[in-house]
Amino acid sequence: MIKAFQQLYKGRIALEKILTEDEIRLVINSELKDEFTHPRARLSSVKKYQLAIQRIQGSELSEEDKHVLLSVYEEEYLKVSTANDV
């Protein structure tokens, strides 16, 4: 899964150092919250989730890798959206 995630986001130097699934989940969580964007320009977590799904589905990853990444994104999206409801 780590290699698939790194392949999906080629060119992001920080992702080359990821060694664990937990680190991937932290990056996904931050990405869904759009934490790397200025607050006024941030997209909603729903929109970020949709964009991630499109990126995964349109990638050249194997179907197995796509399924794994889609599952992880869904799990993290549910965490983010549930946290926003509290």
Protein backbone atom coordinates (compact mmCIF):
# COMPACT_ATOMS: atom_id res chain seq x y z
CA MET A 1 0.00 0.00 0.00
CA ILE A 2 2.86 2.38 0.76
CA LYS A 3 4.35 2.04 -2.72
CA ALA A 4 0.91 2.48 -4.31
CA PHE A 5 0.31 5.67 -2.32
CA GLN A 6 3.73 7.02 -3.26
CA GLN A 7 3.10 6.16 -6.91
CA LEU A 8 -0.27 7.92 -6.80
CA TYR A 9 1.39 11.13 -5.59
CA LYS A 10 4.65 11.10 -7.54
CA GLY A 11 6.78 14.15 -7.01
CA ARG A 12 5.81 14.81 -3.40
CA ILE A 13 9.20 14.53 -1.75
CA ALA A 14 7.79 14.25 1.78
CA LEU A 15 5.87 11.12 0.78
CA GLU A 16 9.06 9.34 -0.26
CA LYS A 17 9.97 9.04 3.44
CA ILE A 18 6.73 7.33 4.50
CA LEU A 19 7.39 3.93 6.07
CA THR A 20 4.11 2.90 7.71
CA GLU A 21 0.39 2.74 7.03
CA ASP A 22 -0.19 5.03 10.02
CA GLU A 23 1.91 7.72 8.34
CA ILE A 24 -0.18 7.35 5.18
CA ARG A 25 -3.36 7.71 7.22
CA LEU A 26 -2.02 10.93 8.80
CA VAL A 27 -1.27 12.38 5.37
CA ILE A 28 -4.71 11.38 4.07
CA ASN A 29 -6.38 12.89 7.12
CA SER A 30 -4.50 16.17 6.64
CA GLU A 31 -5.28 16.12 2.93
CA LEU A 32 -9.01 15.60 3.56
CA LYS A 33 -8.98 18.51 6.02
CA ASP A 34 -7.08 20.53 3.39
CA GLU A 35 -4.61 21.58 6.08
CA PHE A 36 -1.93 22.47 3.54
CA THR A 37 -4.08 25.21 1.98
CA HIS A 38 -4.71 28.75 3.19
CA PRO A 39 -7.94 28.79 5.27
CA ARG A 40 -9.81 31.04 2.82
CA ALA A 41 -8.97 28.78 -0.12
CA ARG A 42 -9.74 25.44 1.55
CA LEU A 43 -12.12 22.97 -0.05
CA SER A 44 -14.62 20.96 1.96
CA SER A 45 -13.66 17.46 3.09
CA VAL A 46 -16.40 16.11 0.78
CA LYS A 47 -14.79 17.80 -2.23
CA LYS A 48 -11.29 16.67 -1.22
CA TYR A 49 -12.60 13.10 -0.83
CA GLN A 50 -14.23 13.23 -4.28
CA LEU A 51 -11.02 14.51 -5.85
CA ALA A 52 -8.99 11.74 -4.19
CA ILE A 53 -11.42 9.08 -5.41
CA GLN A 54 -11.20 10.44 -8.96
CA ARG A 55 -7.40 10.48 -8.77
CA ILE A 56 -7.28 6.87 -7.57
CA GLN A 57 -9.80 5.60 -10.11
CA GLY A 58 -8.03 7.40 -12.96
CA SER A 59 -4.59 6.16 -11.96
CA GLU A 60 -2.61 3.33 -13.52
CA LEU A 61 -2.46 1.43 -10.22
CA SER A 62 -3.53 -2.20 -10.14
CA GLU A 63 -7.17 -2.86 -9.28
CA GLU A 64 -6.05 -4.37 -5.97
CA ASP A 65 -4.03 -1.27 -5.06
CA LYS A 66 -6.94 0.96 -6.06
CA HIS A 67 -9.31 -1.04 -3.85
CA VAL A 68 -6.97 -0.82 -0.85
CA LEU A 69 -6.43 2.94 -1.24
CA LEU A 70 -10.14 3.58 -1.78
CA SER A 71 -10.90 1.68 1.42
CA VAL A 72 -8.34 3.64 3.43
CA TYR A 73 -9.58 6.96 2.05
CA GLU A 74 -13.15 5.98 2.92
CA GLU A 75 -12.17 5.06 6.49
CA GLU A 76 -10.30 8.33 6.96
CA TYR A 77 -13.09 10.36 5.36
CA LEU A 78 -15.59 8.84 7.79
CA LYS A 79 -13.33 9.83 10.70
CA VAL A 80 -13.00 13.39 9.42
CA SER A 81 -16.69 13.81 8.65
CA THR A 82 -17.72 12.32 12.00
CA ALA A 83 -15.31 14.62 13.84
CA ASN A 84 -16.86 17.60 12.05
CA ASP A 85 -20.33 16.56 13.22
CA VAL A 86 -19.34 16.59 16.91
